[in-house]
Amino acid sequence: MRHDLVSLDLFVCVAECGNLTRAAERRHLAVSAVSKRISELEALIGTPLLVRQPRGVRLTPAGQSLLHHARQMLQLVARMDEELGAYAGGLKGHVRMQAVASALTQFLPEELRDFLVAHPGVQVSVEERTGRDIVRAVQGGAADLGLVAATTPIEGLSAQAYHVDRLMLGVPRRHALARRRSVRFAEALAHPFVGPQPESSLAQLMEQGARAAGLALQQRIQASSFDAMCRLVETGLGVTLLPERVLSAPVAAGRLVAVALREDWACRQMLIVSRGERELGPVTRTLIDHLQRAVAFADGERSRGERPIFSGDGSA
């Protein structure tokens, strides 16, 4: 059998999107062109690869097998292009990256900006996902690297330390806890919470903290973004738990008050996860090195006296 890389790339895209229309949009092609390529692949192999359903497509066992091998082939070709491109003058290539919201909203934007300025021939695609989804994507080859909380199981993946994510309580300005410098999570649990989506690592951490305190977590409302959570807390709908850097803007604007949380788990180690050194192309390896240097620089700045953002009156 002879397979062309364009058809394999389209097949992988369809499998990841779960839908011919979305795959066609991502590749800027007509749906009919994508469908024709898939049909040609099926004719070449001699068996169906997809089961067409009303709301998308599902892979057959043969499709699952092809997806595994196609990803390996495309990754091998991408690494070859990256390595040969280095000889042609400058780093070139594409890195597929996934990150949890805490990393994507706090640290990654500036770090990616600096990386892309230094390497204009590199393209990076970034998607926000939950920690478990990121691990599955990296394990399966749908992403080259991911940023997750260290509490996320990462079976079979390589990990390097990323930033430490400090969680704080965000409360309305006139809230009973607003004048406190720090609280235990058990004290905060006496109040209704504005929480994140239940599948997020932050939501799971809050549930674990409540169980450890032997109390119930009262979630009055759940929101899909950190910004929405801040806005809902600002209106007095409850308190919330968010990364310190996320709270810094509404605190500086006088809309919220940040209160430190006296819990060991409130400082979360973040990780850079990948499939291991042997499977890293030069572009992905260079990006990981860049992120680790950024972490080292931030750690140095923090050791020189970065101040916390809480704005209570100092009472414990």
Foldseek 3Di string as FASTA:
>chain_A
DDDDLVLLVLLLLQAVVQALVVSCVVVVHDSVVNVVSQVVVCVVVVHHQWDDDPVGIDGDPVVVVSNQVSLVVVLVVQLVCQVVVVVVPFGAGEFEEEEAQLCVVFPPPVLVVVVCVVGVRYHYDYYHDAPVVRLVCQVSNVGAKYKYWPVRDNPQKDKDWFAKFAKWKKAFCPDPCQQAQEDAVVVQQVKAEAEEPCRHPVNVVNCVSCVVVVHDHHHPYYDHHLVVRLVCRLVPPIMYMDTQRSCQVCVVVVSIFIHHYPDPVSTIIMIMIHNDDVSDRPVRVVSVVSSVVVNVVVVVVVVVPDDGRGDHNHHD
